[in-house]
N, C-alpha and C. Protein backbone atom coordinates (compact mmCIF):
# COMPACT_ATOMS: atom_id res chain seq x y z
N MET A 1 -12.67 6.29 12.39
CA MET A 1 -11.14 5.07 11.61
C MET A 1 -12.26 4.08 10.37
N SER A 2 -11.22 3.96 9.14
CA SER A 2 -12.36 3.70 8.11
C SER A 2 -11.96 2.29 8.22
N ASP A 3 -12.96 1.25 7.25
CA ASP A 3 -12.68 -0.41 7.43
C ASP A 3 -11.63 -1.12 6.26
N PHE A 4 -10.96 -0.45 6.17
CA PHE A 4 -9.92 -1.06 5.62
C PHE A 4 -9.75 -2.30 6.90
N LEU A 5 -9.14 -2.48 7.79
CA LEU A 5 -8.86 -3.46 8.96
C LEU A 5 -9.79 -4.71 8.27
N ARG A 6 -11.24 -4.28 8.75
CA ARG A 6 -12.60 -5.32 8.04
C ARG A 6 -12.53 -5.77 6.99
N LYS A 7 -12.30 -4.81 6.08
CA LYS A 7 -11.88 -5.51 4.85
C LYS A 7 -10.64 -6.46 4.45
N HIS A 8 -9.55 -6.13 5.23
CA HIS A 8 -8.92 -6.90 5.52
C HIS A 8 -9.31 -8.16 6.02
N ILE A 9 -9.74 -8.52 7.03
CA ILE A 9 -10.62 -9.88 7.65
C ILE A 9 -11.27 -10.10 6.70
N GLU A 10 -12.25 -9.83 6.60
CA GLU A 10 -13.18 -10.42 5.58
C GLU A 10 -13.06 -10.55 4.41
N ASN A 11 -12.09 -10.69 3.81
CA ASN A 11 -11.23 -11.22 3.12
C ASN A 11 -11.22 -13.03 2.95
N ILE A 12 -11.03 -13.07 4.73
CA ILE A 12 -10.88 -14.57 5.40
C ILE A 12 -12.09 -15.64 5.88
N VAL A 13 -12.90 -14.15 6.71
CA VAL A 13 -13.77 -14.28 7.14
C VAL A 13 -14.22 -13.48 7.56
N ARG A 14 -15.96 -14.05 7.52
CA ARG A 14 -16.65 -12.88 7.89
C ARG A 14 -17.19 -12.12 9.09
N LEU A 15 -17.67 -11.28 9.58
CA LEU A 15 -17.44 -10.54 10.70
C LEU A 15 -19.06 -9.40 10.57
N SER A 16 -19.54 -10.08 12.22
CA SER A 16 -20.47 -9.31 12.75
C SER A 16 -19.94 -8.26 13.18
N ASP A 17 -20.95 -7.13 12.91
CA ASP A 17 -20.56 -5.78 13.49
C ASP A 17 -19.81 -5.77 14.82
N GLU A 18 -20.72 -6.72 16.03
CA GLU A 18 -20.22 -7.03 17.05
C GLU A 18 -18.52 -7.67 16.88
N GLU A 19 -18.47 -8.36 16.19
CA GLU A 19 -17.37 -9.07 16.57
C GLU A 19 -16.62 -8.06 15.61
N TYR A 20 -16.85 -7.49 14.99
CA TYR A 20 -15.13 -6.49 14.29
C TYR A 20 -15.16 -5.19 15.33
N GLU A 21 -16.35 -5.22 15.66
CA GLU A 21 -15.42 -4.39 16.47
C GLU A 21 -14.69 -4.08 18.12
N GLU A 22 -14.78 -5.85 18.74
CA GLU A 22 -14.32 -6.62 19.70
C GLU A 22 -13.17 -6.41 19.20
N ILE A 23 -12.99 -7.10 17.64
CA ILE A 23 -11.34 -7.04 17.54
C ILE A 23 -10.66 -5.23 17.19
N LEU A 24 -11.40 -5.18 16.65
CA LEU A 24 -10.84 -3.98 16.58
C LEU A 24 -10.29 -2.56 17.81
N GLY A 25 -11.15 -3.41 18.97
CA GLY A 25 -10.07 -2.67 19.94
C GLY A 25 -8.63 -3.15 20.72
N PHE A 26 -8.38 -4.27 20.18
CA PHE A 26 -7.07 -4.60 20.09
C PHE A 26 -6.39 -4.25 19.27
N PHE A 27 -6.29 -3.39 18.81
CA PHE A 27 -5.33 -3.02 17.36
C PHE A 27 -4.64 -1.72 17.65
N GLN A 28 -4.01 -1.35 17.62
CA GLN A 28 -3.77 0.10 17.87
C GLN A 28 -2.95 0.78 16.11
N PHE A 29 -3.83 2.09 16.13
CA PHE A 29 -3.50 2.43 14.70
C PHE A 29 -2.31 3.41 14.89
N ARG A 30 -0.98 3.09 14.24
CA ARG A 30 -0.24 4.36 14.45
C ARG A 30 0.48 4.46 12.64
N LYS A 31 1.02 6.14 12.64
CA LYS A 31 1.82 6.41 11.64
C LYS A 31 3.44 6.45 12.14
N TYR A 32 3.98 6.05 10.66
CA TYR A 32 5.14 6.43 11.08
C TYR A 32 6.02 7.25 10.33
N ARG A 33 7.29 8.24 9.59
CA ARG A 33 7.49 8.44 8.90
C ARG A 33 9.23 7.87 8.19
N LYS A 34 8.56 8.28 6.99
CA LYS A 34 9.87 7.02 6.27
C LYS A 34 11.19 7.64 6.90
N ARG A 35 11.85 6.05 7.27
CA ARG A 35 13.11 6.02 7.83
C ARG A 35 13.19 5.55 9.44
N GLN A 36 11.65 5.89 9.58
CA GLN A 36 11.92 5.29 10.97
C GLN A 36 11.39 3.71 10.90
N PHE A 37 12.36 3.85 12.33
CA PHE A 37 11.70 2.20 12.66
C PHE A 37 10.51 1.66 13.65
N LEU A 38 9.59 0.41 12.74
CA LEU A 38 9.25 0.17 14.20
C LEU A 38 9.72 -1.41 14.95
N ILE A 39 10.83 -1.64 14.41
CA ILE A 39 11.62 -2.63 15.41
C ILE A 39 12.81 -2.22 14.45
N GLN A 40 13.90 -2.67 15.75
CA GLN A 40 15.12 -2.33 15.79
C GLN A 40 16.33 -3.73 16.53
N GLU A 41 16.69 -4.04 15.69
CA GLU A 41 17.44 -4.82 15.94
C GLU A 41 18.20 -5.55 17.52
N ASN A 42 17.61 -6.24 17.89
CA ASN A 42 18.18 -6.95 19.56
C ASN A 42 17.25 -6.29 20.39
N GLN A 43 16.16 -5.20 19.93
CA GLN A 43 14.99 -5.19 20.87
C GLN A 43 14.14 -6.54 21.26
N MET A 44 13.07 -6.33 22.28
CA MET A 44 12.52 -7.30 22.23
C MET A 44 11.18 -7.03 21.23
N VAL A 45 10.37 -7.78 20.50
CA VAL A 45 9.42 -7.96 19.91
C VAL A 45 8.00 -8.25 20.37
N ASP A 46 7.03 -7.30 20.45
CA ASP A 46 5.61 -8.23 20.83
C ASP A 46 4.49 -7.22 20.20
N GLU A 47 4.97 -7.29 18.44
CA GLU A 47 4.18 -6.57 17.49
C GLU A 47 4.18 -7.08 16.93
N LEU A 48 3.26 -7.25 16.12
CA LEU A 48 2.68 -7.62 14.51
C LEU A 48 2.37 -6.65 13.76
N PHE A 49 2.73 -5.88 12.39
CA PHE A 49 1.92 -4.96 11.59
C PHE A 49 0.93 -5.13 10.45
N ILE A 50 0.01 -4.80 10.33
CA ILE A 50 -0.27 -4.87 8.88
C ILE A 50 -0.59 -3.72 8.67
N VAL A 51 0.09 -2.70 6.83
CA VAL A 51 0.78 -2.13 6.45
C VAL A 51 -0.93 -2.11 6.12
N LYS A 52 -1.13 -0.24 6.32
CA LYS A 52 -2.91 0.23 5.52
C LYS A 52 -2.44 0.99 4.11
N SER A 53 -1.49 2.04 4.93
CA SER A 53 -0.68 2.70 3.83
C SER A 53 0.86 2.75 3.87
N GLY A 54 1.70 3.03 3.11
CA GLY A 54 3.65 3.09 2.56
C GLY A 54 3.77 2.12 2.42
N LEU A 55 5.20 2.30 2.87
CA LEU A 55 5.68 1.05 2.05
C LEU A 55 6.99 0.59 3.53
N LEU A 56 7.15 -0.66 3.95
CA LEU A 56 7.86 -1.19 4.57
C LEU A 56 8.98 -2.38 4.26
N LYS A 57 10.00 -2.31 5.11
CA LYS A 57 11.14 -2.87 4.95
C LYS A 57 11.61 -3.67 5.92
N CYS A 58 12.13 -5.60 6.34
CA CYS A 58 11.92 -6.30 7.71
C CYS A 58 14.00 -6.85 6.52
N GLY A 59 14.59 -6.58 7.31
CA GLY A 59 16.13 -7.15 7.28
C GLY A 59 16.46 -6.71 8.52
N MET A 60 18.13 -6.64 7.76
CA MET A 60 19.70 -6.71 9.47
C MET A 60 21.02 -6.21 8.31
N ILE A 61 21.73 -6.20 9.22
CA ILE A 61 22.89 -5.63 8.06
C ILE A 61 23.80 -6.92 8.76
N ASP A 62 24.36 -7.27 7.80
CA ASP A 62 25.07 -8.65 7.95
C ASP A 62 26.69 -8.29 8.49
N ASN A 63 27.14 -9.30 8.89
CA ASN A 63 28.37 -8.72 9.71
C ASN A 63 29.52 -7.96 8.57
N SER A 64 29.44 -8.30 7.31
CA SER A 64 30.31 -7.61 6.78
C SER A 64 29.75 -5.62 6.42
N GLY A 65 28.52 -5.16 7.24
CA GLY A 65 28.00 -4.07 7.26
C GLY A 65 26.95 -3.82 5.89
N LYS A 66 26.44 -5.28 5.34
CA LYS A 66 25.96 -4.73 3.97
C LYS A 66 24.48 -5.67 4.51
N GLU A 67 23.64 -4.46 3.97
CA GLU A 67 21.80 -4.18 3.96
C GLU A 67 21.16 -5.99 3.74
N GLN A 68 21.27 -6.55 4.30
CA GLN A 68 20.35 -7.92 4.06
C GLN A 68 18.56 -7.52 3.88
N ILE A 69 17.47 -7.92 2.68
CA ILE A 69 16.80 -7.50 3.12
C ILE A 69 16.14 -8.88 3.14
N LEU A 70 14.67 -8.98 3.89
CA LEU A 70 14.31 -10.24 3.93
C LEU A 70 12.75 -10.05 3.27
N GLN A 71 12.51 -8.96 3.68
CA GLN A 71 11.04 -8.48 3.22
C GLN A 71 10.68 -7.15 2.96
N PHE A 72 9.68 -6.55 1.79
CA PHE A 72 9.13 -5.58 1.82
C PHE A 72 6.99 -5.65 1.96
N ALA A 73 6.93 -4.68 2.61
CA ALA A 73 5.15 -5.05 3.03
C ALA A 73 4.64 -3.35 2.56
N THR A 74 3.96 -3.22 0.87
CA THR A 74 2.71 -2.41 1.22
C THR A 74 1.85 -2.79 1.69
N GLU A 75 0.39 -2.21 1.34
CA GLU A 75 -1.22 -2.02 1.59
C GLU A 75 -1.15 -3.83 2.13
N ASP A 76 -2.21 -3.71 2.90
CA ASP A 76 -2.87 -5.17 3.30
C ASP A 76 -1.12 -6.36 3.36
N TRP A 77 -0.06 -5.92 3.45
CA TRP A 77 0.13 -6.40 4.36
C TRP A 77 1.15 -6.91 5.70
N TRP A 78 1.41 -8.17 6.25
CA TRP A 78 2.00 -8.05 7.09
C TRP A 78 3.42 -8.03 7.46
N ILE A 79 4.31 -7.71 9.04
CA ILE A 79 5.72 -7.32 8.50
C ILE A 79 5.73 -7.21 10.20
N SER A 80 6.46 -8.36 10.64
CA SER A 80 7.58 -7.85 11.64
C SER A 80 8.63 -8.83 11.55
N ASP A 81 9.23 -9.18 12.62
CA ASP A 81 10.56 -9.90 13.74
C ASP A 81 9.77 -11.31 13.70
N TYR A 82 9.29 -11.93 13.08
CA TYR A 82 8.07 -13.76 13.54
C TYR A 82 9.23 -14.34 14.22
N THR A 83 9.88 -14.25 14.49
CA THR A 83 11.08 -14.97 15.23
C THR A 83 10.19 -14.67 16.76
N ALA A 84 11.01 -13.26 16.99
CA ALA A 84 11.39 -12.15 17.80
C ALA A 84 9.95 -12.63 18.08
N PHE A 85 8.71 -12.15 17.95
CA PHE A 85 7.30 -11.94 18.33
C PHE A 85 7.22 -13.38 19.04
N TYR A 86 6.80 -14.55 17.78
CA TYR A 86 6.65 -15.70 18.23
C TYR A 86 7.08 -16.47 19.67
N LYS A 87 8.43 -15.93 19.25
CA LYS A 87 9.79 -16.89 20.14
C LYS A 87 9.66 -16.38 21.69
N HIS A 88 9.55 -15.00 21.14
CA HIS A 88 9.94 -14.15 22.75
C HIS A 88 11.70 -14.35 22.72
N HIS A 89 12.08 -13.80 21.93
CA HIS A 89 13.74 -13.61 21.77
C HIS A 89 13.33 -11.54 20.93
N PRO A 90 14.58 -11.04 21.30
CA PRO A 90 15.54 -10.22 20.73
C PRO A 90 15.74 -10.33 19.55
N ALA A 91 14.68 -9.16 18.86
CA ALA A 91 14.97 -8.69 17.13
C ALA A 91 15.70 -9.09 16.37
N ARG A 92 16.18 -10.38 15.74
CA ARG A 92 17.32 -10.03 14.25
C ARG A 92 16.93 -9.41 13.45
N LEU A 93 15.95 -8.61 12.73
CA LEU A 93 15.72 -7.96 12.29
C LEU A 93 15.26 -6.64 12.30
N ALA A 94 15.46 -5.59 11.49
CA ALA A 94 14.68 -4.48 11.81
C ALA A 94 13.92 -4.35 11.14
N VAL A 95 12.58 -3.42 11.39
CA VAL A 95 11.65 -2.65 10.23
C VAL A 95 11.59 -1.45 10.07
N ASP A 96 12.17 -1.10 9.30
CA ASP A 96 11.49 0.31 8.90
C ASP A 96 10.54 0.93 7.80
N CYS A 97 10.71 1.91 7.87
CA CYS A 97 9.67 2.88 6.38
C CYS A 97 10.21 3.25 5.71
N ILE A 98 10.19 2.71 4.29
CA ILE A 98 10.74 3.39 3.09
C ILE A 98 10.17 4.77 2.98
N GLU A 99 8.76 4.70 3.03
CA GLU A 99 7.97 5.68 2.88
C GLU A 99 7.14 5.76 4.37
N ASP A 100 6.62 7.25 4.10
CA ASP A 100 5.24 7.59 5.43
C ASP A 100 4.60 6.54 5.51
N SER A 101 3.70 6.07 6.68
CA SER A 101 3.45 4.40 6.53
C SER A 101 2.57 4.64 7.80
N GLU A 102 1.02 3.82 7.22
CA GLU A 102 0.02 4.32 8.44
C GLU A 102 -0.07 2.20 8.60
N VAL A 103 0.21 2.24 10.17
CA VAL A 103 0.05 0.32 9.55
C VAL A 103 -1.26 0.55 11.44
N TYR A 104 -1.46 -0.62 11.48
CA TYR A 104 -2.29 -1.38 12.81
C TYR A 104 -1.23 -2.22 13.14
N ALA A 105 -1.38 -2.15 14.48
CA ALA A 105 -0.07 -3.26 15.38
C ALA A 105 -0.93 -3.42 16.40
N ILE A 106 -0.79 -4.76 16.33
CA ILE A 106 -1.72 -5.98 17.70
C ILE A 106 -0.49 -6.93 18.61
N THR A 107 -0.18 -6.63 19.43
CA THR A 107 0.30 -7.70 20.57
C THR A 107 0.58 -8.96 20.24
N PHE A 108 1.56 -9.67 21.06
CA PHE A 108 1.46 -11.15 20.88
C PHE A 108 0.25 -11.75 22.12
N GLU A 109 -0.21 -10.74 23.28
CA GLU A 109 -1.20 -10.90 24.33
C GLU A 109 -2.06 -10.59 23.48
N ASP A 110 -2.55 -9.92 23.37
CA ASP A 110 -3.61 -9.41 22.67
C ASP A 110 -4.04 -10.16 21.33
N MET A 111 -3.45 -10.71 20.60
CA MET A 111 -3.85 -11.77 18.95
C MET A 111 -4.01 -12.69 20.02
N ASN A 112 -3.64 -13.41 21.09
CA ASN A 112 -4.23 -14.37 21.66
C ASN A 112 -5.25 -14.58 22.68
N GLU A 113 -5.88 -13.11 23.49
CA GLU A 113 -6.80 -12.94 23.53
C GLU A 113 -8.26 -12.50 22.30
N VAL A 114 -7.81 -11.88 21.69
CA VAL A 114 -8.87 -11.74 20.31
C VAL A 114 -9.11 -13.15 20.18
N CYS A 115 -7.95 -14.34 19.66
CA CYS A 115 -8.53 -15.73 19.74
C CYS A 115 -9.23 -16.59 19.82
N ARG A 116 -8.61 -15.89 21.27
CA ARG A 116 -9.91 -17.06 22.23
C ARG A 116 -11.40 -15.69 22.70
N ARG A 117 -11.65 -15.02 22.24
CA ARG A 117 -12.54 -14.54 23.09
C ARG A 117 -13.25 -15.45 21.32
N ILE A 118 -12.31 -14.73 20.09
CA ILE A 118 -13.63 -14.78 18.95
C ILE A 118 -13.13 -15.94 17.83
N PRO A 119 -13.43 -16.82 18.01
CA PRO A 119 -12.75 -17.84 17.43
C PRO A 119 -12.60 -17.54 16.12
N LYS A 120 -13.22 -17.00 15.21
CA LYS A 120 -12.99 -16.28 13.79
C LYS A 120 -11.89 -15.91 13.36
N ALA A 121 -11.37 -15.04 14.46
CA ALA A 121 -9.99 -14.64 14.32
C ALA A 121 -8.67 -15.64 14.88
N GLU A 122 -9.18 -16.51 15.25
CA GLU A 122 -7.89 -17.64 15.49
C GLU A 122 -7.91 -18.22 13.62
N HIS A 123 -8.95 -17.98 13.47
CA HIS A 123 -9.41 -18.59 12.04
C HIS A 123 -7.87 -17.83 10.90
N PHE A 124 -8.50 -16.64 11.05
CA PHE A 124 -8.00 -15.56 9.99
C PHE A 124 -6.17 -15.74 10.79
N PHE A 125 -5.91 -15.83 12.08
CA PHE A 125 -4.69 -15.83 12.06
C PHE A 125 -3.72 -17.01 11.47
N ARG A 126 -4.29 -17.82 11.42
CA ARG A 126 -3.72 -18.56 11.23
C ARG A 126 -3.56 -19.13 9.36
N VAL A 127 -4.76 -18.38 9.04
CA VAL A 127 -4.39 -18.49 7.55
C VAL A 127 -3.41 -17.93 6.98
N LYS A 128 -3.30 -16.01 7.62
CA LYS A 128 -2.53 -15.31 6.97
C LYS A 128 -1.02 -15.95 7.46
N SER A 129 -0.68 -16.82 8.56
CA SER A 129 0.92 -17.34 8.97
C SER A 129 0.73 -18.31 7.52
N ASN A 130 0.06 -19.10 7.69
CA ASN A 130 0.04 -19.88 6.71
C ASN A 130 0.36 -19.07 5.71
N LEU A 131 -0.12 -18.03 5.39
CA LEU A 131 0.21 -17.42 3.66
C LEU A 131 1.43 -17.01 3.21
N GLY A 132 1.51 -16.34 4.56
CA GLY A 132 3.31 -15.83 4.86
C GLY A 132 3.81 -17.11 5.01
N TYR A 133 3.86 -18.39 5.45
CA TYR A 133 4.79 -19.23 5.73
C TYR A 133 5.14 -20.16 3.93
N CYS A 134 3.80 -19.93 3.27
CA CYS A 134 4.45 -20.45 2.08
C CYS A 134 4.87 -19.36 1.08
N ALA A 135 5.17 -17.47 1.14
CA ALA A 135 5.54 -17.24 0.46
C ALA A 135 7.02 -16.92 0.65
N LEU A 136 7.69 -17.23 2.21
CA LEU A 136 8.90 -16.82 2.72
C LEU A 136 9.63 -18.21 1.99
N GLN A 137 8.36 -19.77 2.33
CA GLN A 137 9.17 -20.81 1.36
C GLN A 137 9.16 -20.57 -0.40
N ASP A 138 8.78 -19.83 -1.22
CA ASP A 138 8.28 -19.83 -2.37
C ASP A 138 10.26 -18.52 -2.75
N ARG A 139 10.22 -17.41 -1.36
CA ARG A 139 11.33 -16.47 -1.20
C ARG A 139 12.64 -17.55 -1.04
N VAL A 140 12.76 -18.71 -0.39
CA VAL A 140 13.64 -19.42 0.28
C VAL A 140 14.33 -20.29 -1.08
N LEU A 141 13.23 -20.97 -1.99
CA LEU A 141 13.36 -21.73 -2.79
C LEU A 141 14.50 -20.91 -4.11
N ALA A 142 13.66 -19.51 -4.76
CA ALA A 142 13.93 -18.91 -5.65
C ALA A 142 15.70 -18.42 -5.15
N LEU A 143 15.63 -17.97 -4.04
CA LEU A 143 16.99 -18.28 -3.99
C LEU A 143 18.07 -18.91 -3.72
N MET A 144 17.62 -20.63 -4.00
CA MET A 144 18.09 -21.35 -3.88
C MET A 144 18.09 -21.84 -5.24
N THR A 145 17.18 -21.89 -5.98
CA THR A 145 17.17 -22.32 -7.52
C THR A 145 17.31 -21.46 -8.66
N LYS A 146 16.74 -20.53 -8.61
CA LYS A 146 16.93 -19.41 -9.89
C LYS A 146 18.44 -19.07 -10.17
N ALA A 147 18.29 -18.14 -11.07
CA ALA A 147 19.79 -17.50 -11.79
C ALA A 147 18.64 -16.08 -11.25
N ALA A 148 19.85 -14.98 -11.12
CA ALA A 148 19.76 -13.34 -11.10
C ALA A 148 18.69 -12.78 -11.65
N LYS A 149 18.74 -13.34 -13.18
CA LYS A 149 17.76 -12.45 -14.34
C LYS A 149 15.90 -13.41 -13.42
N GLU A 150 16.32 -14.43 -13.75
CA GLU A 150 14.90 -14.85 -13.07
C GLU A 150 14.16 -14.71 -11.66
N ARG A 151 14.78 -14.40 -10.76
CA ARG A 151 14.58 -13.34 -9.35
C ARG A 151 14.39 -12.40 -9.45
N TYR A 152 15.32 -10.89 -10.51
CA TYR A 152 14.28 -9.92 -11.08
C TYR A 152 13.19 -10.24 -12.05
N GLU A 153 12.77 -11.13 -12.92
CA GLU A 153 11.82 -10.99 -13.68
C GLU A 153 10.58 -11.13 -12.41
N ASP A 154 10.85 -12.99 -11.90
CA ASP A 154 9.83 -12.74 -10.64
C ASP A 154 9.24 -11.95 -10.00
N PHE A 155 10.25 -11.02 -9.13
CA PHE A 155 9.81 -9.49 -8.45
C PHE A 155 9.21 -8.31 -9.51
N ILE A 156 9.84 -8.07 -10.63
CA ILE A 156 8.94 -7.30 -10.97
C ILE A 156 7.54 -8.29 -11.31
N HIS A 157 7.24 -9.40 -11.86
CA HIS A 157 5.90 -9.67 -12.39
C HIS A 157 5.54 -9.95 -10.78
N GLN A 158 6.03 -10.34 -9.69
CA GLN A 158 4.73 -10.02 -8.74
C GLN A 158 4.77 -8.85 -7.85
N TYR A 159 6.06 -7.89 -8.10
CA TYR A 159 5.93 -6.52 -7.56
C TYR A 159 5.29 -5.59 -8.69
N SER A 160 5.07 -5.50 -9.71
CA SER A 160 4.53 -4.57 -10.36
C SER A 160 4.06 -3.43 -10.33
N GLU A 161 3.04 -3.57 -8.93
CA GLU A 161 2.04 -2.43 -9.46
C GLU A 161 2.46 -0.95 -8.21
N TRP A 162 4.00 -1.94 -7.26
CA TRP A 162 4.37 -1.12 -6.38
C TRP A 162 6.08 -1.33 -6.40
N GLY A 163 6.75 -2.15 -7.58
CA GLY A 163 8.04 -2.25 -6.84
C GLY A 163 8.84 -0.67 -7.64
N ASN A 164 8.31 0.23 -8.23
CA ASN A 164 9.13 1.25 -8.90
C ASN A 164 8.80 1.72 -7.82
N ARG A 165 8.64 1.85 -6.14
CA ARG A 165 8.63 2.62 -5.35
C ARG A 165 9.58 2.27 -4.69
N ILE A 166 10.46 0.91 -4.93
CA ILE A 166 11.70 0.92 -3.66
C ILE A 166 13.01 1.17 -4.50
N PRO A 167 13.67 1.98 -4.44
CA PRO A 167 15.23 2.19 -4.43
C PRO A 167 15.91 1.42 -5.07
N LYS A 168 16.67 1.47 -5.91
CA LYS A 168 17.11 0.49 -6.81
C LYS A 168 18.04 -0.24 -6.14
N GLN A 169 18.82 -0.33 -4.61
CA GLN A 169 20.04 -0.50 -4.18
C GLN A 169 19.32 -1.76 -3.09
N LEU A 170 18.03 -1.34 -2.69
CA LEU A 170 17.30 -2.20 -1.37
C LEU A 170 16.87 -3.29 -2.46
N ILE A 171 16.17 -3.06 -3.76
CA ILE A 171 15.86 -4.20 -4.78
C ILE A 171 17.11 -5.39 -5.19
N ALA A 172 18.43 -4.61 -5.07
CA ALA A 172 19.28 -5.64 -5.21
C ALA A 172 19.66 -6.49 -3.98
N SER A 173 19.46 -5.46 -2.85
CA SER A 173 19.51 -6.67 -1.91
C SER A 173 18.46 -7.90 -1.50
N TYR A 174 17.10 -7.37 -1.72
CA TYR A 174 16.54 -8.26 -1.62
C TYR A 174 16.79 -9.42 -2.77
N LEU A 175 17.32 -9.21 -3.67
CA LEU A 175 17.40 -10.17 -5.00
C LEU A 175 18.63 -11.39 -4.49
N GLY A 176 19.38 -10.39 -3.43
CA GLY A 176 20.94 -10.64 -3.35
C GLY A 176 21.69 -10.83 -4.62
N VAL A 177 21.98 -9.46 -5.42
CA VAL A 177 22.79 -9.20 -5.99
C VAL A 177 23.54 -7.94 -5.93
N SER A 178 24.25 -7.47 -6.42
CA SER A 178 25.33 -6.14 -6.44
C SER A 178 24.29 -5.34 -7.25
N ARG A 179 24.38 -4.32 -6.83
CA ARG A 179 23.13 -3.23 -7.65
C ARG A 179 23.83 -2.46 -9.39
N GLU A 180 25.24 -3.30 -9.56
CA GLU A 180 25.50 -3.11 -10.63
C GLU A 180 25.15 -4.12 -11.62
N THR A 181 25.31 -5.30 -11.16
CA THR A 181 24.32 -6.31 -11.81
C THR A 181 22.75 -6.00 -11.86
N LEU A 182 22.44 -5.69 -10.80
CA LEU A 182 20.53 -5.12 -11.30
C LEU A 182 20.69 -4.36 -11.97
N SER A 183 21.77 -3.34 -12.27
CA SER A 183 21.49 -2.32 -13.33
C SER A 183 21.55 -2.66 -14.59
N ARG A 184 22.59 -4.20 -14.89
CA ARG A 184 22.15 -4.89 -15.95
C ARG A 184 21.03 -5.37 -16.38
N LEU A 185 20.31 -6.03 -15.73
CA LEU A 185 19.12 -6.30 -15.55
C LEU A 185 18.41 -6.36 -15.87
N TYR A 186 18.46 -4.45 -15.09
CA TYR A 186 17.12 -3.88 -15.03
C TYR A 186 16.90 -3.00 -16.97
N SER A 187 18.41 -3.11 -17.29
CA SER A 187 18.86 -2.43 -18.81
C SER A 187 18.49 -3.67 -19.73
N SER A 188 18.17 -5.31 -19.45
CA SER A 188 18.38 -6.02 -20.78
C SER A 188 16.81 -6.48 -20.89
């Protein structure tokens, strides 16, 4: 196994070799194919995923049959239906692969156990959760206050290194615009 997970955690907390080995034991490494689901709507969710490689999306199909994208996740990002995970509710969101992907998964129970055993892990998960909350808040504010062109420019700036890996119709859904509007923004 590579030291991807260790590097990811040590961006926030330093670990001894023993601590890392114990933490590693709580994660499961998995591979998924393009278009394969990690989570489907209405299923119970007991895992969070950190992306080692690949590209995933989290979203839902609305009442009109249109896909609504809440989040993309690529290398070093976390993804799940967080409400379903933390509140033990059926998923409202689906998570699936845009590309073949490799992830590390941790269950709710294992996350709590590793935090109980290794206080540094609790700090790590708290920081990751807080950063995720901040990103979601920024996204909601952008949808509420920015014009489509500004949201598109922000997307290109924030995700310049991997935005071209995402099909245009998914970017349009994420930005809350039609495919036609995205084409106009893209060409301007």
